[in-house]
Amino acid sequence: MFLRSQRALAAQLLKADSLQQAAAGFLPPVAELLRSEAGALWAVGKVDPELNFVEGWSELLDAGRFGEGAAS
């Protein structure tokens, strides 16, 4: 299962135009590997050294709302 997740992550990173686009594809396999029901990707901004929500995923919840709450 680890190698399948690793390949899925590599494939998403190679074909995506942005980190957000890649994250939408690799969060589910990584969460599956970790046996998690949800996952989120955060990144430090290039200009301001702030932690920014990039993308979220959940089997059960609207993970996008998680990022909305973090922005305030």
C-alpha atoms as a PDB file:
ATOM      1  CA  MET A   1       0.000   0.000   0.000  1.00  0.00           C
ATOM      2  CA  PHE A   2       2.909   2.374   0.719  1.00  0.00           C
ATOM      3  CA  LEU A   3       4.327   2.066  -2.789  1.00  0.00           C
ATOM      4  CA  ARG A   4       0.894   2.605  -4.374  1.00  0.00           C
ATOM      5  CA  SER A   5       0.462   5.811  -2.359  1.00  0.00           C
ATOM      6  CA  GLN A   6       3.986   6.928  -3.205  1.00  0.00           C
ATOM      7  CA  ARG A   7       3.351   6.407  -6.923  1.00  0.00           C
ATOM      8  CA  ALA A   8       0.027   8.252  -6.741  1.00  0.00           C
ATOM      9  CA  LEU A   9       1.715  11.190  -5.000  1.00  0.00           C
ATOM     10  CA  ALA A  10       4.538  11.343  -7.546  1.00  0.00           C
ATOM     11  CA  ALA A  11       2.094  11.159 -10.462  1.00  0.00           C
ATOM     12  CA  GLN A  12      -0.053  13.976  -9.064  1.00  0.00           C
ATOM     13  CA  LEU A  13       2.947  16.225  -8.451  1.00  0.00           C
ATOM     14  CA  LEU A  14       4.269  15.677 -11.968  1.00  0.00           C
ATOM     15  CA  LYS A  15       1.043  16.379 -13.838  1.00  0.00           C
ATOM     16  CA  ALA A  16      -0.400  19.180 -11.683  1.00  0.00           C
ATOM     17  CA  ASP A  17      -0.119  22.848 -12.587  1.00  0.00           C
ATOM     18  CA  SER A  18      -0.208  23.931  -8.933  1.00  0.00           C
ATOM     19  CA  LEU A  19       0.302  22.563  -5.448  1.00  0.00           C
ATOM     20  CA  GLN A  20      -3.426  22.947  -4.759  1.00  0.00           C
ATOM     21  CA  GLN A  21      -4.291  20.903  -7.830  1.00  0.00           C
ATOM     22  CA  ALA A  22      -1.769  18.224  -6.861  1.00  0.00           C
ATOM     23  CA  ALA A  23      -3.001  18.119  -3.274  1.00  0.00           C
ATOM     24  CA  ALA A  24      -6.538  17.326  -4.370  1.00  0.00           C
ATOM     25  CA  GLY A  25      -5.170  14.185  -5.986  1.00  0.00           C
ATOM     26  CA  PHE A  26      -2.645  13.055  -3.400  1.00  0.00           C
ATOM     27  CA  LEU A  27      -4.441  13.780  -0.110  1.00  0.00           C
ATOM     28  CA  PRO A  28      -6.817  10.790  -0.437  1.00  0.00           C
ATOM     29  CA  PRO A  29      -4.068   8.159  -1.022  1.00  0.00           C
ATOM     30  CA  VAL A  30      -1.897   9.611   1.745  1.00  0.00           C
ATOM     31  CA  ALA A  31      -4.844   9.666   4.163  1.00  0.00           C
ATOM     32  CA  GLU A  32      -5.623   6.056   3.207  1.00  0.00           C
ATOM     33  CA  LEU A  33      -2.022   5.083   3.881  1.00  0.00           C
ATOM     34  CA  LEU A  34      -2.196   6.714   7.315  1.00  0.00           C
ATOM     35  CA  ARG A  35      -5.661   5.229   7.952  1.00  0.00           C
ATOM     36  CA  SER A  36      -7.066   8.707   8.420  1.00  0.00           C
ATOM     37  CA  GLU A  37     -10.549   9.952   7.599  1.00  0.00           C
ATOM     38  CA  ALA A  38      -9.280  13.423   6.719  1.00  0.00           C
ATOM     39  CA  GLY A  39      -6.171  15.273   5.630  1.00  0.00           C
ATOM     40  CA  ALA A  40      -5.027  18.812   4.982  1.00  0.00           C
ATOM     41  CA  LEU A  41      -2.065  20.463   3.332  1.00  0.00           C
ATOM     42  CA  TRP A  42      -0.656  23.718   4.652  1.00  0.00           C
ATOM     43  CA  ALA A  43       2.203  25.733   3.135  1.00  0.00           C
ATOM     44  CA  VAL A  44       4.299  28.688   4.221  1.00  0.00           C
ATOM     45  CA  GLY A  45       3.773  31.738   2.004  1.00  0.00           C
ATOM     46  CA  LYS A  46       6.581  32.984  -0.235  1.00  0.00           C
ATOM     47  CA  VAL A  47       6.169  36.646   0.670  1.00  0.00           C
ATOM     48  CA  ASP A  48       4.796  36.481   4.194  1.00  0.00           C
ATOM     49  CA  PRO A  49       6.010  33.650   6.423  1.00  0.00           C
ATOM     50  CA  GLU A  50       2.451  32.662   7.343  1.00  0.00           C
ATOM     51  CA  LEU A  51       0.983  29.199   7.293  1.00  0.00           C
ATOM     52  CA  ASN A  52      -1.732  29.017   4.610  1.00  0.00           C
ATOM     53  CA  PHE A  53      -4.351  26.345   4.007  1.00  0.00           C
ATOM     54  CA  VAL A  54      -3.831  24.810   0.552  1.00  0.00           C
ATOM     55  CA  GLU A  55      -6.314  21.942   0.294  1.00  0.00           C
ATOM     56  CA  GLY A  56      -8.314  19.577   2.457  1.00  0.00           C
ATOM     57  CA  TRP A  57      -9.929  16.200   2.002  1.00  0.00           C
ATOM     58  CA  SER A  58     -12.277  14.084   4.096  1.00  0.00           C
ATOM     59  CA  GLU A  59     -14.380  10.987   3.590  1.00  0.00           C
ATOM     60  CA  LEU A  60     -17.047  12.324   5.925  1.00  0.00           C
ATOM     61  CA  LEU A  61     -16.788  16.126   6.097  1.00  0.00           C
ATOM     62  CA  ASP A  62     -16.553  19.116   3.803  1.00  0.00           C
ATOM     63  CA  ALA A  63     -12.798  19.589   4.257  1.00  0.00           C
ATOM     64  CA  GLY A  64     -12.830  22.902   2.386  1.00  0.00           C
ATOM     65  CA  ARG A  65     -14.700  24.424   5.310  1.00  0.00           C
ATOM     66  CA  PHE A  66     -11.786  23.471   7.565  1.00  0.00           C
ATOM     67  CA  GLY A  67      -9.583  25.911   5.656  1.00  0.00           C
ATOM     68  CA  GLU A  68     -12.209  28.646   5.795  1.00  0.00           C
ATOM     69  CA  GLY A  69     -12.225  28.554   9.589  1.00  0.00           C
ATOM     70  CA  ALA A  70      -8.444  28.629   9.721  1.00  0.00           C
ATOM     71  CA  ALA A  71      -8.240  31.814   7.654  1.00  0.00           C
ATOM     72  CA  SER A  72     -10.065  33.936  10.212  1.00  0.00           C
END
